[in-house]
PDB file of N, CA and C in Angstrom:
ATOM      1  N   UNK A   1       2.875 -34.047  24.944  1.00  0.00           N
ATOM      2  CA  UNK A   1       3.537 -33.157  23.993  1.00  0.00           C
ATOM      3  C   UNK A   1       5.027 -33.463  24.020  1.00  0.00           C
ATOM      4  N   UNK A   2       5.627 -33.439  22.871  1.00  0.00           N
ATOM      5  CA  UNK A   2       7.063 -33.701  22.784  1.00  0.00           C
ATOM      6  C   UNK A   2       7.850 -32.460  23.134  1.00  0.00           C
ATOM      7  N   UNK A   3       9.120 -32.635  23.368  1.00  0.00           N
ATOM      8  CA  UNK A   3       9.992 -31.497  23.668  1.00  0.00           C
ATOM      9  C   UNK A   3      10.035 -30.550  22.488  1.00  0.00           C
ATOM     10  N   UNK A   4      10.144 -31.085  21.280  1.00  0.00           N
ATOM     11  CA  UNK A   4      10.185 -30.224  20.089  1.00  0.00           C
ATOM     12  C   UNK A   4       8.895 -29.440  19.959  1.00  0.00           C
ATOM     13  N   UNK A   5       7.747 -30.081  20.213  1.00  0.00           N
ATOM     14  CA  UNK A   5       6.468 -29.390  20.156  1.00  0.00           C
ATOM     15  C   UNK A   5       6.359 -28.314  21.213  1.00  0.00           C
ATOM     16  N   UNK A   6       6.894 -28.600  22.387  1.00  0.00           N
ATOM     17  CA  UNK A   6       6.883 -27.631  23.469  1.00  0.00           C
ATOM     18  C   UNK A   6       7.718 -26.408  23.118  1.00  0.00           C
ATOM     19  N   UNK A   7       8.900 -26.615  22.531  1.00  0.00           N
ATOM     20  CA  UNK A   7       9.749 -25.495  22.129  1.00  0.00           C
ATOM     21  C   UNK A   7       9.092 -24.679  21.032  1.00  0.00           C
ATOM     22  N   UNK A   8       8.454 -25.339  20.085  1.00  0.00           N
ATOM     23  CA  UNK A   8       7.787 -24.622  18.992  1.00  0.00           C
ATOM     24  C   UNK A   8       6.635 -23.793  19.531  1.00  0.00           C
ATOM     25  N   UNK A   9       5.876 -24.346  20.472  1.00  0.00           N
ATOM     26  CA  UNK A   9       4.744 -23.623  21.034  1.00  0.00           C
ATOM     27  C   UNK A   9       5.206 -22.410  21.825  1.00  0.00           C
ATOM     28  N   UNK A  10       6.353 -22.511  22.505  1.00  0.00           N
ATOM     29  CA  UNK A  10       6.822 -21.407  23.322  1.00  0.00           C
ATOM     30  C   UNK A  10       7.437 -20.277  22.495  1.00  0.00           C
ATOM     31  N   UNK A  11       7.628 -20.473  21.198  1.00  0.00           N
ATOM     32  CA  UNK A  11       8.198 -19.435  20.347  1.00  0.00           C
ATOM     33  C   UNK A  11       7.200 -18.298  20.111  1.00  0.00           C
ATOM     34  N   UNK A  12       5.928 -18.535  20.382  1.00  0.00           N
ATOM     35  CA  UNK A  12       4.887 -17.531  20.161  1.00  0.00           C
ATOM     36  C   UNK A  12       4.230 -17.170  21.482  1.00  0.00           C
ATOM     37  N   UNK A  13       3.969 -15.896  21.651  1.00  0.00           N
ATOM     38  CA  UNK A  13       3.338 -15.437  22.887  1.00  0.00           C
ATOM     39  C   UNK A  13       1.825 -15.559  22.832  1.00  0.00           C
ATOM     40  N   UNK A  14       1.276 -15.650  21.614  1.00  0.00           N
ATOM     41  CA  UNK A  14      -0.173 -15.728  21.484  1.00  0.00           C
ATOM     42  C   UNK A  14      -0.544 -16.550  20.261  1.00  0.00           C
ATOM     43  N   UNK A  15      -1.777 -17.016  20.254  1.00  0.00           N
ATOM     44  CA  UNK A  15      -2.284 -17.780  19.126  1.00  0.00           C
ATOM     45  C   UNK A  15      -2.341 -16.901  17.870  1.00  0.00           C
ATOM     46  N   UNK A  16      -2.714 -15.623  18.036  1.00  0.00           N
ATOM     47  CA  UNK A  16      -2.775 -14.700  16.904  1.00  0.00           C
ATOM     48  C   UNK A  16      -1.415 -14.508  16.255  1.00  0.00           C
ATOM     49  N   UNK A  17      -0.364 -14.422  17.059  1.00  0.00           N
ATOM     50  CA  UNK A  17       0.993 -14.276  16.525  1.00  0.00           C
ATOM     51  C   UNK A  17       1.405 -15.534  15.777  1.00  0.00           C
ATOM     52  N   UNK A  18       1.036 -16.686  16.301  1.00  0.00           N
ATOM     53  CA  UNK A  18       1.363 -17.941  15.631  1.00  0.00           C
ATOM     54  C   UNK A  18       0.666 -18.036  14.278  1.00  0.00           C
ATOM     55  N   UNK A  19      -0.601 -17.667  14.234  1.00  0.00           N
ATOM     56  CA  UNK A  19      -1.344 -17.704  12.964  1.00  0.00           C
ATOM     57  C   UNK A  19      -0.766 -16.724  11.959  1.00  0.00           C
ATOM     58  N   UNK A  20      -0.374 -15.527  12.421  1.00  0.00           N
ATOM     59  CA  UNK A  20       0.233 -14.551  11.524  1.00  0.00           C
ATOM     60  C   UNK A  20       1.561 -15.077  10.985  1.00  0.00           C
ATOM     61  N   UNK A  21       2.365 -15.689  11.830  1.00  0.00           N
ATOM     62  CA  UNK A  21       3.643 -16.256  11.387  1.00  0.00           C
ATOM     63  C   UNK A  21       3.416 -17.344  10.338  1.00  0.00           C
ATOM     64  N   UNK A  22       2.419 -18.190  10.542  1.00  0.00           N
ATOM     65  CA  UNK A  22       2.109 -19.228   9.560  1.00  0.00           C
ATOM     66  C   UNK A  22       1.691 -18.613   8.228  1.00  0.00           C
ATOM     67  N   UNK A  23       0.875 -17.566   8.287  1.00  0.00           N
ATOM     68  CA  UNK A  23       0.435 -16.875   7.072  1.00  0.00           C
ATOM     69  C   UNK A  23       1.640 -16.261   6.351  1.00  0.00           C
ATOM     70  N   UNK A  24       2.494 -15.567   7.091  1.00  0.00           N
ATOM     71  CA  UNK A  24       3.667 -14.924   6.493  1.00  0.00           C
ATOM     72  C   UNK A  24       4.631 -15.955   5.916  1.00  0.00           C
ATOM     73  N   UNK A  25       4.780 -17.076   6.590  1.00  0.00           N
ATOM     74  CA  UNK A  25       5.650 -18.148   6.104  1.00  0.00           C
ATOM     75  C   UNK A  25       5.122 -18.675   4.755  1.00  0.00           C
ATOM     76  N   UNK A  26       3.812 -18.846   4.653  1.00  0.00           N
ATOM     77  CA  UNK A  26       3.205 -19.326   3.405  1.00  0.00           C
ATOM     78  C   UNK A  26       3.354 -18.286   2.294  1.00  0.00           C
ATOM     79  N   UNK A  27       3.106 -17.025   2.602  1.00  0.00           N
ATOM     80  CA  UNK A  27       3.249 -15.958   1.601  1.00  0.00           C
ATOM     81  C   UNK A  27       4.703 -15.824   1.162  1.00  0.00           C
ATOM     82  N   UNK A  28       5.613 -15.916   2.108  1.00  0.00           N
ATOM     83  CA  UNK A  28       7.043 -15.807   1.801  1.00  0.00           C
ATOM     84  C   UNK A  28       7.484 -16.947   0.894  1.00  0.00           C
ATOM     85  N   UNK A  29       6.903 -18.109   1.083  1.00  0.00           N
ATOM     86  CA  UNK A  29       7.235 -19.266   0.256  1.00  0.00           C
ATOM     87  C   UNK A  29       6.805 -19.114  -1.195  1.00  0.00           C
ATOM     88  N   UNK A  30       5.865 -18.217  -1.465  1.00  0.00           N
ATOM     89  CA  UNK A  30       5.380 -17.992  -2.832  1.00  0.00           C
ATOM     90  C   UNK A  30       6.209 -16.979  -3.604  1.00  0.00           C
ATOM     91  N   UNK A  31       7.156 -16.331  -2.950  1.00  0.00           N
ATOM     92  CA  UNK A  31       7.962 -15.310  -3.611  1.00  0.00           C
ATOM     93  C   UNK A  31       9.414 -15.761  -3.717  1.00  0.00           C
ATOM     94  N   UNK A  32      10.120 -15.195  -4.666  1.00  0.00           N
ATOM     95  CA  UNK A  32      11.543 -15.507  -4.820  1.00  0.00           C
ATOM     96  C   UNK A  32      12.408 -14.690  -3.875  1.00  0.00           C
ATOM     97  N   UNK A  33      11.988 -13.469  -3.608  1.00  0.00           N
ATOM     98  CA  UNK A  33      12.779 -12.584  -2.758  1.00  0.00           C
ATOM     99  C   UNK A  33      12.087 -12.321  -1.438  1.00  0.00           C
ATOM    100  N   UNK A  34      12.421 -11.200  -0.848  1.00  0.00           N
ATOM    101  CA  UNK A  34      11.813 -10.815   0.420  1.00  0.00           C
ATOM    102  C   UNK A  34      10.377 -10.355   0.192  1.00  0.00           C
ATOM    103  N   UNK A  35       9.590 -10.436   1.232  1.00  0.00           N
ATOM    104  CA  UNK A  35       8.197 -10.024   1.211  1.00  0.00           C
ATOM    105  C   UNK A  35       8.089  -8.737   2.016  1.00  0.00           C
ATOM    106  N   UNK A  36       7.397  -7.745   1.490  1.00  0.00           N
ATOM    107  CA  UNK A  36       7.190  -6.485   2.196  1.00  0.00           C
ATOM    108  C   UNK A  36       5.697  -6.326   2.462  1.00  0.00           C
ATOM    109  N   UNK A  37       5.344  -6.104   3.714  1.00  0.00           N
ATOM    110  CA  UNK A  37       3.943  -6.008   4.105  1.00  0.00           C
ATOM    111  C   UNK A  37       3.755  -4.830   5.055  1.00  0.00           C
ATOM    112  N   UNK A  38       2.482  -4.391   5.170  1.00  0.00           N
ATOM    113  CA  UNK A  38       2.163  -3.420   6.210  1.00  0.00           C
ATOM    114  C   UNK A  38       0.922  -3.901   6.949  1.00  0.00           C
ATOM    115  N   UNK A  39       0.739  -3.400   8.135  1.00  0.00           N
ATOM    116  CA  UNK A  39      -0.350  -3.853   8.995  1.00  0.00           C
ATOM    117  C   UNK A  39      -1.721  -3.649   8.404  1.00  0.00           C
ATOM    118  N   UNK A  40      -1.931  -2.541   7.682  1.00  0.00           N
ATOM    119  CA  UNK A  40      -3.239  -2.271   7.090  1.00  0.00           C
ATOM    120  C   UNK A  40      -3.613  -3.323   6.058  1.00  0.00           C
ATOM    121  N   UNK A  41      -2.682  -3.669   5.177  1.00  0.00           N
ATOM    122  CA  UNK A  41      -2.960  -4.666   4.142  1.00  0.00           C
ATOM    123  C   UNK A  41      -3.222  -6.031   4.768  1.00  0.00           C
ATOM    124  N   UNK A  42      -2.385  -6.397   5.719  1.00  0.00           N
ATOM    125  CA  UNK A  42      -2.570  -7.683   6.390  1.00  0.00           C
ATOM    126  C   UNK A  42      -3.885  -7.722   7.160  1.00  0.00           C
ATOM    127  N   UNK A  43      -4.266  -6.611   7.782  1.00  0.00           N
ATOM    128  CA  UNK A  43      -5.522  -6.554   8.525  1.00  0.00           C
ATOM    129  C   UNK A  43      -6.701  -6.808   7.590  1.00  0.00           C
ATOM    130  N   UNK A  44      -6.671  -6.214   6.405  1.00  0.00           N
ATOM    131  CA  UNK A  44      -7.727  -6.439   5.419  1.00  0.00           C
ATOM    132  C   UNK A  44      -7.776  -7.903   4.999  1.00  0.00           C
ATOM    133  N   UNK A  45      -6.622  -8.484   4.714  1.00  0.00           N
ATOM    134  CA  UNK A  45      -6.555  -9.869   4.245  1.00  0.00           C
ATOM    135  C   UNK A  45      -6.947 -10.870   5.328  1.00  0.00           C
ATOM    136  N   UNK A  46      -6.604 -10.569   6.580  1.00  0.00           N
ATOM    137  CA  UNK A  46      -6.834 -11.518   7.666  1.00  0.00           C
ATOM    138  C   UNK A  46      -8.083 -11.220   8.484  1.00  0.00           C
ATOM    139  N   UNK A  47      -8.722 -10.098   8.212  1.00  0.00           N
ATOM    140  CA  UNK A  47      -9.930  -9.753   8.946  1.00  0.00           C
ATOM    141  C   UNK A  47      -9.693  -9.437  10.415  1.00  0.00           C
ATOM    142  N   UNK A  48      -8.557  -8.841  10.725  1.00  0.00           N
ATOM    143  CA  UNK A  48      -8.204  -8.468  12.092  1.00  0.00           C
ATOM    144  C   UNK A  48      -7.939  -6.968  12.129  1.00  0.00           C
ATOM    145  N   UNK A  49      -8.018  -6.338  13.292  1.00  0.00           N
ATOM    146  CA  UNK A  49      -7.724  -4.901  13.395  1.00  0.00           C
ATOM    147  C   UNK A  49      -6.252  -4.605  13.101  1.00  0.00           C
ATOM    148  N   UNK A  50      -5.960  -3.496  12.401  1.00  0.00           N
ATOM    149  CA  UNK A  50      -4.565  -3.147  12.094  1.00  0.00           C
ATOM    150  C   UNK A  50      -3.670  -3.061  13.335  1.00  0.00           C
ATOM    151  N   UNK A  51      -4.180  -2.537  14.431  1.00  0.00           N
ATOM    152  CA  UNK A  51      -3.366  -2.421  15.652  1.00  0.00           C
ATOM    153  C   UNK A  51      -2.958  -3.801  16.170  1.00  0.00           C
ATOM    154  N   UNK A  52      -3.837  -4.772  16.050  1.00  0.00           N
ATOM    155  CA  UNK A  52      -3.512  -6.139  16.485  1.00  0.00           C
ATOM    156  C   UNK A  52      -2.424  -6.737  15.601  1.00  0.00           C
ATOM    157  N   UNK A  53      -2.542  -6.524  14.294  1.00  0.00           N
ATOM    158  CA  UNK A  53      -1.538  -7.039  13.353  1.00  0.00           C
ATOM    159  C   UNK A  53      -0.183  -6.402  13.639  1.00  0.00           C
ATOM    160  N   UNK A  54      -0.147  -5.090  13.834  1.00  0.00           N
ATOM    161  CA  UNK A  54       1.110  -4.395  14.137  1.00  0.00           C
ATOM    162  C   UNK A  54       1.727  -4.925  15.431  1.00  0.00           C
ATOM    163  N   UNK A  55       0.885  -5.161  16.435  1.00  0.00           N
ATOM    164  CA  UNK A  55       1.383  -5.702  17.711  1.00  0.00           C
ATOM    165  C   UNK A  55       2.009  -7.081  17.495  1.00  0.00           C
ATOM    166  N   UNK A  56       1.357  -7.924  16.696  1.00  0.00           N
ATOM    167  CA  UNK A  56       1.903  -9.252  16.421  1.00  0.00           C
ATOM    168  C   UNK A  56       3.190  -9.175  15.606  1.00  0.00           C
ATOM    169  N   UNK A  57       3.260  -8.261  14.656  1.00  0.00           N
ATOM    170  CA  UNK A  57       4.487  -8.106  13.868  1.00  0.00           C
ATOM    171  C   UNK A  57       5.652  -7.704  14.765  1.00  0.00           C
ATOM    172  N   UNK A  58       5.399  -6.785  15.690  1.00  0.00           N
ATOM    173  CA  UNK A  58       6.455  -6.390  16.632  1.00  0.00           C
ATOM    174  C   UNK A  58       6.874  -7.577  17.505  1.00  0.00           C
ATOM    175  N   UNK A  59       5.889  -8.347  17.933  1.00  0.00           N
ATOM    176  CA  UNK A  59       6.150  -9.525  18.763  1.00  0.00           C
ATOM    177  C   UNK A  59       6.980 -10.555  17.996  1.00  0.00           C
ATOM    178  N   UNK A  60       6.697 -10.714  16.704  1.00  0.00           N
ATOM    179  CA  UNK A  60       7.381 -11.722  15.898  1.00  0.00           C
ATOM    180  C   UNK A  60       8.766 -11.288  15.423  1.00  0.00           C
ATOM    181  N   UNK A  61       9.015  -9.988  15.390  1.00  0.00           N
ATOM    182  CA  UNK A  61      10.301  -9.528  14.868  1.00  0.00           C
ATOM    183  C   UNK A  61      11.435 -10.077  15.726  1.00  0.00           C
ATOM    184  N   UNK A  62      12.310 -10.796  15.070  1.00  0.00           N
ATOM    185  CA  UNK A  62      13.466 -11.361  15.745  1.00  0.00           C
ATOM    186  C   UNK A  62      13.232 -12.653  16.488  1.00  0.00           C
ATOM    187  N   UNK A  63      11.969 -13.152  16.528  1.00  0.00           N
ATOM    188  CA  UNK A  63      11.741 -14.348  17.333  1.00  0.00           C
ATOM    189  C   UNK A  63      10.879 -15.402  16.645  1.00  0.00           C
ATOM    190  N   UNK A  64      10.661 -15.291  15.368  1.00  0.00           N
ATOM    191  CA  UNK A  64       9.806 -16.256  14.680  1.00  0.00           C
ATOM    192  C   UNK A  64      10.652 -17.318  13.991  1.00  0.00           C
ATOM    193  N   UNK A  65      10.458 -18.585  14.357  1.00  0.00           N
ATOM    194  CA  UNK A  65      11.250 -19.666  13.750  1.00  0.00           C
ATOM    195  C   UNK A  65      11.111 -19.700  12.231  1.00  0.00           C
ATOM    196  N   UNK A  66      12.243 -19.664  11.536  1.00  0.00           N
ATOM    197  CA  UNK A  66      12.259 -19.758  10.084  1.00  0.00           C
ATOM    198  C   UNK A  66      12.043 -18.462   9.342  1.00  0.00           C
ATOM    199  N   UNK A  67      11.688 -17.400  10.046  1.00  0.00           N
ATOM    200  CA  UNK A  67      11.452 -16.101   9.409  1.00  0.00           C
ATOM    201  C   UNK A  67      12.279 -15.018  10.087  1.00  0.00           C
ATOM    202  N   UNK A  68      12.667 -14.043   9.307  1.00  0.00           N
ATOM    203  CA  UNK A  68      13.277 -12.827   9.853  1.00  0.00           C
ATOM    204  C   UNK A  68      12.304 -11.699   9.508  1.00  0.00           C
ATOM    205  N   UNK A  69      11.743 -11.085  10.522  1.00  0.00           N
ATOM    206  CA  UNK A  69      10.767 -10.007  10.347  1.00  0.00           C
ATOM    207  C   UNK A  69      11.360  -8.757  10.962  1.00  0.00           C
ATOM    208  N   UNK A  70      11.475  -7.709  10.143  1.00  0.00           N
ATOM    209  CA  UNK A  70      12.065  -6.468  10.646  1.00  0.00           C
ATOM    210  C   UNK A  70      11.359  -5.276  10.020  1.00  0.00           C
ATOM    211  N   UNK A  71      11.366  -4.175  10.743  1.00  0.00           N
ATOM    212  CA  UNK A  71      10.781  -2.934  10.257  1.00  0.00           C
ATOM    213  C   UNK A  71      11.718  -2.355   9.216  1.00  0.00           C
ATOM    214  N   UNK A  72      11.199  -2.037   8.045  1.00  0.00           N
ATOM    215  CA  UNK A  72      12.007  -1.480   6.961  1.00  0.00           C
ATOM    216  C   UNK A  72      12.186   0.014   7.213  1.00  0.00           C
ATOM    217  N   UNK A  73      13.380   0.418   7.566  1.00  0.00           N
ATOM    218  CA  UNK A  73      13.632   1.811   7.954  1.00  0.00           C
ATOM    219  C   UNK A  73      13.653   2.774   6.775  1.00  0.00           C
ATOM    220  N   UNK A  74      13.710   2.258   5.544  1.00  0.00           N
ATOM    221  CA  UNK A  74      13.739   3.137   4.377  1.00  0.00           C
ATOM    222  C   UNK A  74      12.363   3.661   3.989  1.00  0.00           C
ATOM    223  N   UNK A  75      11.332   3.172   4.619  1.00  0.00           N
ATOM    224  CA  UNK A  75       9.970   3.533   4.265  1.00  0.00           C
ATOM    225  C   UNK A  75       9.414   4.572   5.235  1.00  0.00           C
ATOM    226  N   UNK A  76       8.660   5.562   4.734  1.00  0.00           N
ATOM    227  CA  UNK A  76       8.048   6.540   5.635  1.00  0.00           C
ATOM    228  C   UNK A  76       6.882   5.942   6.428  1.00  0.00           C
ATOM    229  N   UNK A  77       6.274   4.868   5.922  1.00  0.00           N
ATOM    230  CA  UNK A  77       5.206   4.163   6.623  1.00  0.00           C
ATOM    231  C   UNK A  77       5.781   2.935   7.308  1.00  0.00           C
ATOM    232  N   UNK A  78       4.982   2.325   8.143  1.00  0.00           N
ATOM    233  CA  UNK A  78       5.407   1.096   8.815  1.00  0.00           C
ATOM    234  C   UNK A  78       5.304  -0.067   7.830  1.00  0.00           C
ATOM    235  N   UNK A  79       6.412  -0.368   7.178  1.00  0.00           N
ATOM    236  CA  UNK A  79       6.481  -1.488   6.243  1.00  0.00           C
ATOM    237  C   UNK A  79       7.435  -2.515   6.831  1.00  0.00           C
ATOM    238  N   UNK A  80       6.993  -3.762   6.841  1.00  0.00           N
ATOM    239  CA  UNK A  80       7.756  -4.847   7.434  1.00  0.00           C
ATOM    240  C   UNK A  80       8.366  -5.703   6.352  1.00  0.00           C
ATOM    241  N   UNK A  81       9.611  -6.069   6.540  1.00  0.00           N
ATOM    242  CA  UNK A  81      10.331  -6.945   5.612  1.00  0.00           C
ATOM    243  C   UNK A  81      10.347  -8.351   6.200  1.00  0.00           C
ATOM    244  N   UNK A  82       9.899  -9.317   5.402  1.00  0.00           N
ATOM    245  CA  UNK A  82       9.863 -10.704   5.832  1.00  0.00           C
ATOM    246  C   UNK A  82      10.801 -11.493   4.927  1.00  0.00           C
ATOM    247  N   UNK A  83      11.794 -12.139   5.526  1.00  0.00           N
ATOM    248  CA  UNK A  83      12.750 -12.933   4.764  1.00  0.00           C
ATOM    249  C   UNK A  83      13.008 -14.240   5.503  1.00  0.00           C
ATOM    250  N   UNK A  84      13.718 -15.131   4.843  1.00  0.00           N
ATOM    251  CA  UNK A  84      14.063 -16.406   5.490  1.00  0.00           C
ATOM    252  C   UNK A  84      15.207 -16.208   6.457  1.00  0.00           C
ATOM    253  N   UNK A  85      15.227 -16.998   7.470  1.00  0.00           N
ATOM    254  CA  UNK A  85      16.329 -17.019   8.429  1.00  0.00           C
ATOM    255  C   UNK A  85      17.441 -17.833   7.885  1.00  0.00           C
TER     256      UNK A  85
END
C-alpha cells in the first residue's frame, strides 16, 4: 500500500463510514449547491438502520476528505449539510 493510500484509508474509522462518504460525495457532485440529508432518508436509500447512518454522519463531520459535513442548526430535526471542502 502506498503512503497516500494509507492516509486515505485512515481518514475513516469504519468501512460503513467510508461507503457513506463515497455515496455523499457522488450525490453532492450531482447538485450545484449544498446537499441536505437526514439519517432516515439515507437509511431508506442505503438499506441500513437510521441509527447507524446517524453514527456515521457524526463520525464523518469535520473529517471526511473533500466534504464538509455538519449538523444544520436551523432545522428542528437532525438535518445534515454536505458541502465541498
